[in-house]
Amino acid sequence: PCLSRLQQSFDDTGEGSGDETNEATNADVSLPFGWIFSSFMVCCMLGTMSFSQLTRWGVPPSRCLLGVLALSSVSCLAMAGSPSTLDGRESSANTTAYIAMLCYEFCIGAYFPSFGVIKGTIVPENQRAAIYNVFRLPLNLIVLLYLVGDFSIDSSFRICGCLLMVSAAIQTWLIAKKPPE
């Protein structure tokens, strides 16, 4: 159940913040979307490479995941608190929102390998497909609520940040409960 909640929280924030990231960057100015997308992909790759390096240095995947959840929570809350997401005008606050989005993309890059390793050690091979499909059900329900809810950009990022804080708390509890890896 805790593993399911962790996955749902992170996946829900990815579904919820994707549309809001587009809206938050759509001001009345011409934006270099190619450069923006490229920088997002570079940060995602750097997150994956960072996970690989940390595990080579002996940091357990569960600790990497905790850092990812904490940083992604801070990133979403920074996007929520950025004035550019509140009023849509071009300002230096766009820089804050953009850096927060880059941090979030970095977290996405580190999340998938760290969570994949953890799921691989916990979920039995012969039951993976069934269990993963059950994980997707609450995700789809939360995405549906999000789509029907018509939340503001600020509210969406705040909700995502709170979901990620809950995930970080669950991960902290799991690390404390389990003996070191």
C-alpha atoms as a PDB file:
ATOM      1  CA  PRO A   1       0.000   0.000   0.000  1.00  0.00           C
ATOM      2  CA  CYS A   2       2.805   2.466   0.823  1.00  0.00           C
ATOM      3  CA  LEU A   3       4.611   1.659  -2.407  1.00  0.00           C
ATOM      4  CA  SER A   4       1.389   2.256  -4.312  1.00  0.00           C
ATOM      5  CA  ARG A   5       0.817   5.605  -2.579  1.00  0.00           C
ATOM      6  CA  LEU A   6       4.374   6.726  -3.374  1.00  0.00           C
ATOM      7  CA  GLN A   7       3.998   5.917  -7.040  1.00  0.00           C
ATOM      8  CA  GLN A   8       0.560   7.499  -7.284  1.00  0.00           C
ATOM      9  CA  SER A   9       1.685  10.742  -5.673  1.00  0.00           C
ATOM     10  CA  PHE A  10       4.639  11.235  -7.993  1.00  0.00           C
ATOM     11  CA  ASP A  11       2.761  10.116 -11.102  1.00  0.00           C
ATOM     12  CA  ASP A  12      -0.184  12.357 -10.217  1.00  0.00           C
ATOM     13  CA  THR A  13       2.080  15.369  -9.923  1.00  0.00           C
ATOM     14  CA  GLY A  14       3.557  14.588 -13.311  1.00  0.00           C
ATOM     15  CA  GLU A  15       0.109  14.408 -14.871  1.00  0.00           C
ATOM     16  CA  GLY A  16      -1.112  17.516 -13.064  1.00  0.00           C
ATOM     17  CA  SER A  17       1.910  19.728 -13.521  1.00  0.00           C
ATOM     18  CA  GLY A  18       2.475  18.973 -17.199  1.00  0.00           C
ATOM     19  CA  ASP A  19      -0.445  21.058 -18.397  1.00  0.00           C
ATOM     20  CA  GLU A  20       0.210  23.746 -15.842  1.00  0.00           C
ATOM     21  CA  THR A  21       3.859  23.990 -16.877  1.00  0.00           C
ATOM     22  CA  ASN A  22       2.676  24.822 -20.382  1.00  0.00           C
ATOM     23  CA  GLU A  23       0.223  27.429 -19.114  1.00  0.00           C
ATOM     24  CA  ALA A  24       2.748  28.921 -16.689  1.00  0.00           C
ATOM     25  CA  THR A  25       5.250  29.512 -19.494  1.00  0.00           C
ATOM     26  CA  ASN A  26       2.706  30.875 -22.004  1.00  0.00           C
ATOM     27  CA  ALA A  27       3.019  34.615 -21.651  1.00  0.00           C
ATOM     28  CA  ASP A  28       2.269  37.113 -24.411  1.00  0.00           C
ATOM     29  CA  VAL A  29       5.891  36.925 -25.546  1.00  0.00           C
ATOM     30  CA  SER A  30       7.520  34.603 -28.027  1.00  0.00           C
ATOM     31  CA  LEU A  31       9.228  31.855 -26.051  1.00  0.00           C
ATOM     32  CA  PRO A  32      12.036  29.633 -27.371  1.00  0.00           C
ATOM     33  CA  PHE A  33      10.132  26.385 -26.829  1.00  0.00           C
ATOM     34  CA  GLY A  34      12.853  24.320 -28.509  1.00  0.00           C
ATOM     35  CA  TRP A  35      15.434  25.533 -25.999  1.00  0.00           C
ATOM     36  CA  ILE A  36      13.011  25.107 -23.123  1.00  0.00           C
ATOM     37  CA  PHE A  37      12.185  21.521 -24.116  1.00  0.00           C
ATOM     38  CA  SER A  38      15.856  20.728 -24.691  1.00  0.00           C
ATOM     39  CA  SER A  39      16.810  22.043 -21.267  1.00  0.00           C
ATOM     40  CA  PHE A  40      14.048  19.950 -19.692  1.00  0.00           C
ATOM     41  CA  MET A  41      15.371  16.811 -21.396  1.00  0.00           C
ATOM     42  CA  VAL A  42      18.957  17.587 -20.372  1.00  0.00           C
ATOM     43  CA  CYS A  43      17.863  17.986 -16.749  1.00  0.00           C
ATOM     44  CA  CYS A  44      15.934  14.711 -16.936  1.00  0.00           C
ATOM     45  CA  MET A  45      19.063  12.969 -18.261  1.00  0.00           C
ATOM     46  CA  LEU A  46      21.199  14.581 -15.537  1.00  0.00           C
ATOM     47  CA  GLY A  47      18.791  13.220 -12.928  1.00  0.00           C
ATOM     48  CA  THR A  48      19.196   9.699 -14.306  1.00  0.00           C
ATOM     49  CA  MET A  49      22.973  10.058 -14.425  1.00  0.00           C
ATOM     50  CA  SER A  50      23.005  11.413 -10.862  1.00  0.00           C
ATOM     51  CA  PHE A  51      21.042   8.395  -9.643  1.00  0.00           C
ATOM     52  CA  SER A  52      23.548   6.082 -11.337  1.00  0.00           C
ATOM     53  CA  GLN A  53      26.485   7.893  -9.776  1.00  0.00           C
ATOM     54  CA  LEU A  54      24.928   7.999  -6.299  1.00  0.00           C
ATOM     55  CA  THR A  55      24.240   4.264  -6.363  1.00  0.00           C
ATOM     56  CA  ARG A  56      27.835   3.638  -7.464  1.00  0.00           C
ATOM     57  CA  TRP A  57      28.932   5.604  -4.397  1.00  0.00           C
ATOM     58  CA  GLY A  58      26.822   3.311  -2.217  1.00  0.00           C
ATOM     59  CA  VAL A  59      23.749   5.489  -1.619  1.00  0.00           C
ATOM     60  CA  PRO A  60      20.726   3.159  -1.393  1.00  0.00           C
ATOM     61  CA  PRO A  61      17.934   3.737  -3.942  1.00  0.00           C
ATOM     62  CA  SER A  62      15.485   4.360  -1.091  1.00  0.00           C
ATOM     63  CA  ARG A  63      17.580   7.332   0.096  1.00  0.00           C
ATOM     64  CA  CYS A  64      17.876   8.639  -3.472  1.00  0.00           C
ATOM     65  CA  LEU A  65      14.104   8.427  -3.769  1.00  0.00           C
ATOM     66  CA  LEU A  66      13.658  10.398  -0.556  1.00  0.00           C
ATOM     67  CA  GLY A  67      15.859  13.190  -1.909  1.00  0.00           C
ATOM     68  CA  VAL A  68      13.986  13.153  -5.210  1.00  0.00           C
ATOM     69  CA  LEU A  69      10.615  13.434  -3.471  1.00  0.00           C
ATOM     70  CA  ALA A  70      11.784  16.259  -1.207  1.00  0.00           C
ATOM     71  CA  LEU A  71      13.369  18.251  -4.055  1.00  0.00           C
ATOM     72  CA  SER A  72      10.389  17.757  -6.346  1.00  0.00           C
ATOM     73  CA  SER A  73       8.052  18.943  -3.572  1.00  0.00           C
ATOM     74  CA  VAL A  74      10.120  22.102  -3.093  1.00  0.00           C
ATOM     75  CA  SER A  75      10.174  22.612  -6.866  1.00  0.00           C
ATOM     76  CA  CYS A  76       6.398  22.415  -7.184  1.00  0.00           C
ATOM     77  CA  LEU A  77       5.889  24.752  -4.242  1.00  0.00           C
ATOM     78  CA  ALA A  78       8.380  27.196  -5.787  1.00  0.00           C
ATOM     79  CA  MET A  79       6.392  27.097  -9.028  1.00  0.00           C
ATOM     80  CA  ALA A  80       3.210  27.733  -7.023  1.00  0.00           C
ATOM     81  CA  GLY A  81       4.739  30.673  -5.209  1.00  0.00           C
ATOM     82  CA  SER A  82       6.214  32.248  -8.326  1.00  0.00           C
ATOM     83  CA  PRO A  83       4.319  35.431  -9.228  1.00  0.00           C
ATOM     84  CA  SER A  84       4.598  34.529 -12.925  1.00  0.00           C
ATOM     85  CA  THR A  85       2.279  31.560 -12.376  1.00  0.00           C
ATOM     86  CA  LEU A  86      -0.218  33.839 -10.669  1.00  0.00           C
ATOM     87  CA  ASP A  87      -0.531  36.694 -13.133  1.00  0.00           C
ATOM     88  CA  GLY A  88       1.011  35.417 -16.374  1.00  0.00           C
ATOM     89  CA  ARG A  89       3.208  38.461 -17.011  1.00  0.00           C
ATOM     90  CA  GLU A  90       6.833  38.395 -18.032  1.00  0.00           C
ATOM     91  CA  SER A  91       9.140  39.221 -15.149  1.00  0.00           C
ATOM     92  CA  SER A  92      12.169  37.983 -13.288  1.00  0.00           C
ATOM     93  CA  ALA A  93       9.761  35.642 -11.507  1.00  0.00           C
ATOM     94  CA  ASN A  94       9.664  33.627 -14.746  1.00  0.00           C
ATOM     95  CA  THR A  95      13.291  32.762 -14.011  1.00  0.00           C
ATOM     96  CA  THR A  96      12.280  31.346 -10.623  1.00  0.00           C
ATOM     97  CA  ALA A  97       9.500  29.276 -12.183  1.00  0.00           C
ATOM     98  CA  TYR A  98      11.795  28.071 -14.967  1.00  0.00           C
ATOM     99  CA  ILE A  99      14.538  26.998 -12.545  1.00  0.00           C
ATOM    100  CA  ALA A 100      11.929  25.213 -10.421  1.00  0.00           C
ATOM    101  CA  MET A 101      10.688  23.411 -13.543  1.00  0.00           C
ATOM    102  CA  LEU A 102      14.258  22.390 -14.388  1.00  0.00           C
ATOM    103  CA  CYS A 103      14.664  20.993 -10.861  1.00  0.00           C
ATOM    104  CA  TYR A 104      11.423  19.074 -11.254  1.00  0.00           C
ATOM    105  CA  GLU A 105      12.629  17.584 -14.560  1.00  0.00           C
ATOM    106  CA  PHE A 106      15.870  16.578 -12.831  1.00  0.00           C
ATOM    107  CA  CYS A 107      13.755  14.796 -10.218  1.00  0.00           C
ATOM    108  CA  ILE A 108      11.774  12.990 -12.904  1.00  0.00           C
ATOM    109  CA  GLY A 109      15.047  11.698 -14.353  1.00  0.00           C
ATOM    110  CA  ALA A 110      16.141  10.346 -10.974  1.00  0.00           C
ATOM    111  CA  TYR A 111      12.691   9.116  -9.893  1.00  0.00           C
ATOM    112  CA  PHE A 112      12.115   6.462 -12.522  1.00  0.00           C
ATOM    113  CA  PRO A 113      15.337   4.476 -12.044  1.00  0.00           C
ATOM    114  CA  SER A 114      15.225   4.754  -8.243  1.00  0.00           C
ATOM    115  CA  PHE A 115      11.585   3.724  -8.020  1.00  0.00           C
ATOM    116  CA  GLY A 116      12.128   1.005 -10.629  1.00  0.00           C
ATOM    117  CA  VAL A 117      14.884  -0.563  -8.525  1.00  0.00           C
ATOM    118  CA  ILE A 118      12.727  -0.397  -5.388  1.00  0.00           C
ATOM    119  CA  LYS A 119       9.670  -1.875  -7.121  1.00  0.00           C
ATOM    120  CA  GLY A 120      11.852  -4.591  -8.653  1.00  0.00           C
ATOM    121  CA  THR A 121      13.010  -5.737  -5.224  1.00  0.00           C
ATOM    122  CA  ILE A 122       9.570  -5.597  -3.570  1.00  0.00           C
ATOM    123  CA  VAL A 123       7.063  -6.743  -6.196  1.00  0.00           C
ATOM    124  CA  PRO A 124       7.306 -10.452  -7.162  1.00  0.00           C
ATOM    125  CA  GLU A 125       8.092 -11.005 -10.859  1.00  0.00           C
ATOM    126  CA  ASN A 126       5.111 -13.276 -11.482  1.00  0.00           C
ATOM    127  CA  GLN A 127       2.645 -10.707 -10.074  1.00  0.00           C
ATOM    128  CA  ARG A 128       4.085  -7.457 -11.501  1.00  0.00           C
ATOM    129  CA  ALA A 129       1.593  -6.880 -14.304  1.00  0.00           C
ATOM    130  CA  ALA A 130      -1.435  -7.329 -12.052  1.00  0.00           C
ATOM    131  CA  ILE A 131      -0.024  -5.221  -9.234  1.00  0.00           C
ATOM    132  CA  TYR A 132       1.097  -2.399 -11.541  1.00  0.00           C
ATOM    133  CA  ASN A 133      -2.352  -2.273 -13.134  1.00  0.00           C
ATOM    134  CA  VAL A 134      -3.903  -1.912  -9.685  1.00  0.00           C
ATOM    135  CA  PHE A 135      -1.465   0.988  -9.042  1.00  0.00           C
ATOM    136  CA  ARG A 136      -2.806   2.773 -12.120  1.00  0.00           C
ATOM    137  CA  LEU A 137      -6.426   2.819 -10.969  1.00  0.00           C
ATOM    138  CA  PRO A 138      -6.055   5.503  -8.266  1.00  0.00           C
ATOM    139  CA  LEU A 139      -3.778   7.477 -10.611  1.00  0.00           C
ATOM    140  CA  ASN A 140      -6.510   7.610 -13.244  1.00  0.00           C
ATOM    141  CA  LEU A 141      -9.104   8.631 -10.657  1.00  0.00           C
ATOM    142  CA  ILE A 142      -6.957  11.486  -9.374  1.00  0.00           C
ATOM    143  CA  VAL A 143      -6.213  12.679 -12.917  1.00  0.00           C
ATOM    144  CA  LEU A 144      -9.949  12.600 -13.656  1.00  0.00           C
ATOM    145  CA  LEU A 145     -10.654  14.679 -10.529  1.00  0.00           C
ATOM    146  CA  TYR A 146      -7.961  17.104 -11.615  1.00  0.00           C
ATOM    147  CA  LEU A 147      -9.437  17.496 -15.082  1.00  0.00           C
ATOM    148  CA  VAL A 148     -12.968  17.998 -13.763  1.00  0.00           C
ATOM    149  CA  GLY A 149     -11.817  20.282 -10.928  1.00  0.00           C
ATOM    150  CA  ASP A 150     -10.621  23.187 -13.118  1.00  0.00           C
ATOM    151  CA  PHE A 151      -7.884  24.243 -10.675  1.00  0.00           C
ATOM    152  CA  SER A 152      -5.831  27.401 -11.087  1.00  0.00           C
ATOM    153  CA  ILE A 153      -2.144  27.091 -11.959  1.00  0.00           C
ATOM    154  CA  ASP A 154      -1.151  28.112  -8.443  1.00  0.00           C
ATOM    155  CA  SER A 155      -3.521  25.607  -6.844  1.00  0.00           C
ATOM    156  CA  SER A 156      -2.334  22.813  -9.134  1.00  0.00           C
ATOM    157  CA  PHE A 157       1.299  23.295  -8.185  1.00  0.00           C
ATOM    158  CA  ARG A 158       0.397  23.569  -4.481  1.00  0.00           C
ATOM    159  CA  ILE A 159      -1.563  20.309  -4.647  1.00  0.00           C
ATOM    160  CA  CYS A 160       1.345  18.623  -6.450  1.00  0.00           C
ATOM    161  CA  GLY A 161       3.789  19.935  -3.834  1.00  0.00           C
ATOM    162  CA  CYS A 162       1.611  18.621  -1.008  1.00  0.00           C
ATOM    163  CA  LEU A 163       1.237  15.197  -2.645  1.00  0.00           C
ATOM    164  CA  LEU A 164       5.000  15.023  -2.960  1.00  0.00           C
ATOM    165  CA  MET A 165       5.453  16.017   0.692  1.00  0.00           C
ATOM    166  CA  VAL A 166       3.150  13.159   1.662  1.00  0.00           C
ATOM    167  CA  SER A 167       5.248  10.830  -0.508  1.00  0.00           C
ATOM    168  CA  ALA A 168       8.455  12.045   1.143  1.00  0.00           C
ATOM    169  CA  ALA A 169       6.921  11.440   4.585  1.00  0.00           C
ATOM    170  CA  ILE A 170       5.886   7.910   3.582  1.00  0.00           C
ATOM    171  CA  GLN A 171       9.363   7.233   2.202  1.00  0.00           C
ATOM    172  CA  THR A 172      10.957   8.522   5.408  1.00  0.00           C
ATOM    173  CA  TRP A 173       8.729   6.170   7.405  1.00  0.00           C
ATOM    174  CA  LEU A 174       9.630   3.241   5.130  1.00  0.00           C
ATOM    175  CA  ILE A 175      13.356   3.933   5.483  1.00  0.00           C
ATOM    176  CA  ALA A 176      13.053   4.126   9.281  1.00  0.00           C
ATOM    177  CA  LYS A 177      11.010   0.904   9.365  1.00  0.00           C
ATOM    178  CA  LYS A 178      13.326  -1.121   7.129  1.00  0.00           C
ATOM    179  CA  PRO A 179      16.873  -2.140   8.065  1.00  0.00           C
ATOM    180  CA  PRO A 180      19.610  -0.457   5.987  1.00  0.00           C
ATOM    181  CA  GLU A 181      20.101  -1.845   2.469  1.00  0.00           C
END
